[in-house]
Amino acid sequence: MSVGTALAIYFLIWWVVLFAVLPFGVRPQGEGRQPGTDPGAPALPRLGRKLLWTTFVSAVVFGIFYFVYTSGIVTLEAISSIYKFPR
C-alpha cells in the first residue's frame, strides 16, 4: 500500500469517526441560551476534545485495517469472489 493510499484511507476513516463522535455529550443550551441562537445548539460543544478522540479512534481503526490488509487475512480476490465482481 502506498503512502498516498494509506493517507486517503485514514482521511476517510477520520471523517466517518468524526461524524460518529460529534453527538456524544451534547447538551442543549436550555433556558440560559443566548438571544438569536438556535435552541438546539450545544452549550459547550468541546470540539477540541472530540477532534482528539476522533484522531485516536481513527488511528486504532486504521491500524486494524492495515494489519488485516498487510497480513493477507482478507484479500481483494477473496472479496471479489464473494460479491461476484468481474475481474
N, C-alpha and C. Protein backbone atom coordinates (compact mmCIF):
# COMPACT_ATOMS: atom_id res chain seq x y z
N MET A 1 0.85 -1.16 0.00
CA MET A 1 0.00 0.00 0.00
C MET A 1 0.90 1.23 0.00
N SER A 2 0.62 2.15 -0.91
CA SER A 2 1.44 3.36 -0.99
C SER A 2 1.05 4.34 0.12
N VAL A 3 1.91 5.31 0.36
CA VAL A 3 1.66 6.30 1.41
C VAL A 3 0.42 7.12 1.08
N GLY A 4 0.26 7.47 -0.17
CA GLY A 4 -0.91 8.25 -0.58
C GLY A 4 -2.21 7.49 -0.35
N THR A 5 -2.20 6.21 -0.67
CA THR A 5 -3.39 5.39 -0.44
C THR A 5 -3.68 5.27 1.05
N ALA A 6 -2.65 5.07 1.85
CA ALA A 6 -2.84 4.95 3.30
C ALA A 6 -3.39 6.25 3.87
N LEU A 7 -2.88 7.40 3.43
CA LEU A 7 -3.39 8.68 3.91
C LEU A 7 -4.84 8.90 3.49
N ALA A 8 -5.18 8.51 2.27
CA ALA A 8 -6.56 8.67 1.81
C ALA A 8 -7.51 7.80 2.63
N ILE A 9 -7.12 6.57 2.92
CA ILE A 9 -7.96 5.68 3.72
C ILE A 9 -8.09 6.22 5.14
N TYR A 10 -6.99 6.70 5.72
CA TYR A 10 -7.05 7.28 7.06
C TYR A 10 -7.96 8.50 7.08
N PHE A 11 -7.87 9.34 6.06
CA PHE A 11 -8.71 10.53 5.96
C PHE A 11 -10.19 10.15 5.93
N LEU A 12 -10.54 9.14 5.15
CA LEU A 12 -11.94 8.69 5.08
C LEU A 12 -12.40 8.13 6.42
N ILE A 13 -11.57 7.32 7.05
CA ILE A 13 -11.92 6.76 8.36
C ILE A 13 -12.08 7.89 9.37
N TRP A 14 -11.21 8.91 9.32
CA TRP A 14 -11.27 10.02 10.26
C TRP A 14 -12.59 10.77 10.15
N TRP A 15 -13.04 11.03 8.92
CA TRP A 15 -14.30 11.76 8.73
C TRP A 15 -15.50 10.94 9.20
N VAL A 16 -15.50 9.65 8.93
CA VAL A 16 -16.61 8.82 9.39
C VAL A 16 -16.66 8.79 10.92
N VAL A 17 -15.51 8.63 11.54
CA VAL A 17 -15.45 8.61 13.01
C VAL A 17 -15.84 9.97 13.58
N LEU A 18 -15.44 11.06 12.92
CA LEU A 18 -15.82 12.39 13.40
C LEU A 18 -17.33 12.54 13.46
N PHE A 19 -18.03 12.14 12.41
CA PHE A 19 -19.48 12.27 12.41
C PHE A 19 -20.13 11.33 13.42
N ALA A 20 -19.46 10.25 13.77
CA ALA A 20 -19.99 9.36 14.81
C ALA A 20 -19.74 9.95 16.20
N VAL A 21 -18.65 10.68 16.39
CA VAL A 21 -18.27 11.21 17.71
C VAL A 21 -18.95 12.55 18.01
N LEU A 22 -19.30 13.32 17.01
CA LEU A 22 -19.85 14.66 17.23
C LEU A 22 -21.04 14.70 18.19
N PRO A 23 -22.00 13.80 18.12
CA PRO A 23 -23.15 13.92 19.02
C PRO A 23 -22.89 13.52 20.47
N PHE A 24 -21.77 12.91 20.79
CA PHE A 24 -21.52 12.47 22.16
C PHE A 24 -21.39 13.66 23.11
N GLY A 25 -22.12 13.61 24.21
CA GLY A 25 -22.01 14.61 25.25
C GLY A 25 -22.61 15.97 24.92
N VAL A 26 -23.44 16.06 23.90
CA VAL A 26 -24.03 17.34 23.52
C VAL A 26 -25.23 17.62 24.43
N ARG A 27 -25.20 18.78 25.03
CA ARG A 27 -26.31 19.24 25.88
C ARG A 27 -26.85 20.53 25.26
N PRO A 28 -28.18 20.65 25.10
CA PRO A 28 -28.72 21.89 24.54
C PRO A 28 -28.54 23.06 25.51
N GLN A 29 -28.65 24.26 25.00
CA GLN A 29 -28.45 25.44 25.82
C GLN A 29 -29.49 25.60 26.91
N GLY A 30 -30.71 25.15 26.65
CA GLY A 30 -31.75 25.23 27.66
C GLY A 30 -32.26 26.63 27.88
N GLU A 31 -32.58 26.94 29.15
CA GLU A 31 -33.19 28.22 29.49
C GLU A 31 -32.22 29.39 29.36
N GLY A 32 -30.95 29.21 29.67
CA GLY A 32 -29.99 30.31 29.67
C GLY A 32 -29.33 30.54 28.34
N ARG A 33 -30.03 30.36 27.24
CA ARG A 33 -29.41 30.49 25.93
C ARG A 33 -29.29 31.93 25.50
N GLN A 34 -28.35 32.15 24.62
CA GLN A 34 -28.11 33.48 24.09
C GLN A 34 -29.23 33.86 23.12
N PRO A 35 -29.66 35.13 23.10
CA PRO A 35 -30.68 35.53 22.13
C PRO A 35 -30.15 35.39 20.70
N GLY A 36 -31.01 34.90 19.84
CA GLY A 36 -30.65 34.75 18.43
C GLY A 36 -30.00 33.43 18.08
N THR A 37 -29.78 32.56 19.06
CA THR A 37 -29.19 31.25 18.75
C THR A 37 -30.28 30.20 18.71
N ASP A 38 -30.01 29.13 18.03
CA ASP A 38 -30.96 28.03 17.93
C ASP A 38 -31.09 27.34 19.28
N PRO A 39 -32.31 26.97 19.69
CA PRO A 39 -32.46 26.31 20.99
C PRO A 39 -31.77 24.95 21.06
N GLY A 40 -31.55 24.32 19.93
CA GLY A 40 -30.89 23.02 19.93
C GLY A 40 -29.38 23.09 19.82
N ALA A 41 -28.84 24.30 19.72
CA ALA A 41 -27.39 24.45 19.62
C ALA A 41 -26.73 24.02 20.93
N PRO A 42 -25.60 23.32 20.86
CA PRO A 42 -24.97 22.86 22.10
C PRO A 42 -24.42 24.01 22.94
N ALA A 43 -24.52 23.84 24.26
CA ALA A 43 -23.99 24.86 25.16
C ALA A 43 -22.46 24.85 25.14
N LEU A 44 -21.85 23.69 25.28
CA LEU A 44 -20.39 23.53 25.22
C LEU A 44 -20.07 22.39 24.25
N PRO A 45 -19.76 22.71 22.99
CA PRO A 45 -19.55 21.63 22.03
C PRO A 45 -18.27 20.82 22.27
N ARG A 46 -17.24 21.41 22.91
CA ARG A 46 -15.97 20.73 23.21
C ARG A 46 -15.37 20.07 21.96
N LEU A 47 -15.22 20.87 20.92
CA LEU A 47 -14.73 20.34 19.65
C LEU A 47 -13.28 19.85 19.73
N GLY A 48 -12.46 20.51 20.51
CA GLY A 48 -11.06 20.08 20.64
C GLY A 48 -10.96 18.67 21.18
N ARG A 49 -11.72 18.38 22.21
CA ARG A 49 -11.71 17.04 22.80
C ARG A 49 -12.25 16.02 21.80
N LYS A 50 -13.28 16.39 21.05
CA LYS A 50 -13.85 15.47 20.07
C LYS A 50 -12.87 15.21 18.92
N LEU A 51 -12.11 16.23 18.53
CA LEU A 51 -11.11 16.03 17.48
C LEU A 51 -9.99 15.10 17.96
N LEU A 52 -9.59 15.23 19.20
CA LEU A 52 -8.58 14.32 19.74
C LEU A 52 -9.09 12.89 19.80
N TRP A 53 -10.32 12.70 20.29
CA TRP A 53 -10.89 11.35 20.32
C TRP A 53 -11.04 10.79 18.90
N THR A 54 -11.44 11.63 17.97
CA THR A 54 -11.58 11.18 16.58
C THR A 54 -10.24 10.71 16.03
N THR A 55 -9.18 11.46 16.29
CA THR A 55 -7.86 11.10 15.80
C THR A 55 -7.39 9.79 16.42
N PHE A 56 -7.61 9.62 17.73
CA PHE A 56 -7.20 8.39 18.41
C PHE A 56 -7.97 7.18 17.89
N VAL A 57 -9.29 7.28 17.83
CA VAL A 57 -10.11 6.15 17.37
C VAL A 57 -9.80 5.83 15.91
N SER A 58 -9.60 6.85 15.09
CA SER A 58 -9.27 6.62 13.68
C SER A 58 -7.93 5.91 13.53
N ALA A 59 -6.97 6.27 14.36
CA ALA A 59 -5.67 5.60 14.30
C ALA A 59 -5.79 4.13 14.66
N VAL A 60 -6.61 3.81 15.67
CA VAL A 60 -6.82 2.41 16.06
C VAL A 60 -7.52 1.64 14.94
N VAL A 61 -8.58 2.23 14.38
CA VAL A 61 -9.31 1.55 13.29
C VAL A 61 -8.40 1.37 12.07
N PHE A 62 -7.62 2.40 11.73
CA PHE A 62 -6.70 2.28 10.60
C PHE A 62 -5.63 1.23 10.87
N GLY A 63 -5.14 1.17 12.10
CA GLY A 63 -4.15 0.15 12.46
C GLY A 63 -4.69 -1.26 12.27
N ILE A 64 -5.92 -1.47 12.68
CA ILE A 64 -6.55 -2.79 12.48
C ILE A 64 -6.70 -3.08 11.00
N PHE A 65 -7.18 -2.08 10.24
CA PHE A 65 -7.32 -2.26 8.79
C PHE A 65 -5.98 -2.57 8.14
N TYR A 66 -4.95 -1.84 8.52
CA TYR A 66 -3.63 -2.03 7.92
C TYR A 66 -3.07 -3.41 8.25
N PHE A 67 -3.24 -3.85 9.47
CA PHE A 67 -2.78 -5.18 9.86
C PHE A 67 -3.49 -6.27 9.06
N VAL A 68 -4.81 -6.15 8.94
CA VAL A 68 -5.58 -7.16 8.19
C VAL A 68 -5.16 -7.15 6.73
N TYR A 69 -4.94 -5.97 6.17
CA TYR A 69 -4.57 -5.88 4.76
C TYR A 69 -3.17 -6.43 4.50
N THR A 70 -2.19 -6.06 5.32
CA THR A 70 -0.81 -6.48 5.07
C THR A 70 -0.56 -7.93 5.45
N SER A 71 -1.32 -8.48 6.38
CA SER A 71 -1.12 -9.88 6.77
C SER A 71 -1.77 -10.84 5.80
N GLY A 72 -2.67 -10.36 4.96
CA GLY A 72 -3.30 -11.22 3.97
C GLY A 72 -4.50 -11.98 4.52
N ILE A 73 -5.01 -11.59 5.66
CA ILE A 73 -6.20 -12.26 6.21
C ILE A 73 -7.37 -12.09 5.25
N VAL A 74 -7.53 -10.89 4.73
CA VAL A 74 -8.57 -10.60 3.74
C VAL A 74 -7.87 -10.03 2.51
N THR A 75 -8.14 -10.62 1.36
CA THR A 75 -7.54 -10.14 0.11
C THR A 75 -8.62 -9.59 -0.80
N LEU A 76 -8.20 -8.80 -1.77
CA LEU A 76 -9.16 -8.25 -2.72
C LEU A 76 -9.77 -9.36 -3.58
N GLU A 77 -9.01 -10.40 -3.86
CA GLU A 77 -9.54 -11.52 -4.64
C GLU A 77 -10.64 -12.24 -3.88
N ALA A 78 -10.47 -12.40 -2.57
CA ALA A 78 -11.49 -13.07 -1.75
C ALA A 78 -12.77 -12.23 -1.71
N ILE A 79 -12.63 -10.93 -1.59
CA ILE A 79 -13.79 -10.07 -1.55
C ILE A 79 -14.51 -10.08 -2.90
N SER A 80 -13.75 -10.03 -3.99
CA SER A 80 -14.38 -10.03 -5.31
C SER A 80 -15.05 -11.35 -5.62
N SER A 81 -14.54 -12.46 -5.10
CA SER A 81 -15.20 -13.75 -5.35
C SER A 81 -16.47 -13.88 -4.52
N ILE A 82 -16.51 -13.28 -3.35
CA ILE A 82 -17.73 -13.33 -2.52
C ILE A 82 -18.84 -12.55 -3.18
N TYR A 83 -18.55 -11.35 -3.68
CA TYR A 83 -19.56 -10.48 -4.26
C TYR A 83 -19.68 -10.62 -5.77
N LYS A 84 -18.93 -11.53 -6.37
CA LYS A 84 -19.01 -11.83 -7.80
C LYS A 84 -18.68 -10.60 -8.66
N PHE A 85 -17.64 -9.85 -8.26
CA PHE A 85 -17.20 -8.72 -9.06
C PHE A 85 -16.47 -9.24 -10.30
N PRO A 86 -16.62 -8.57 -11.43
CA PRO A 86 -15.86 -9.01 -12.62
C PRO A 86 -14.38 -8.72 -12.43
N ARG A 87 -13.55 -9.58 -13.01
CA ARG A 87 -12.10 -9.40 -12.89
C ARG A 87 -11.53 -8.76 -14.11
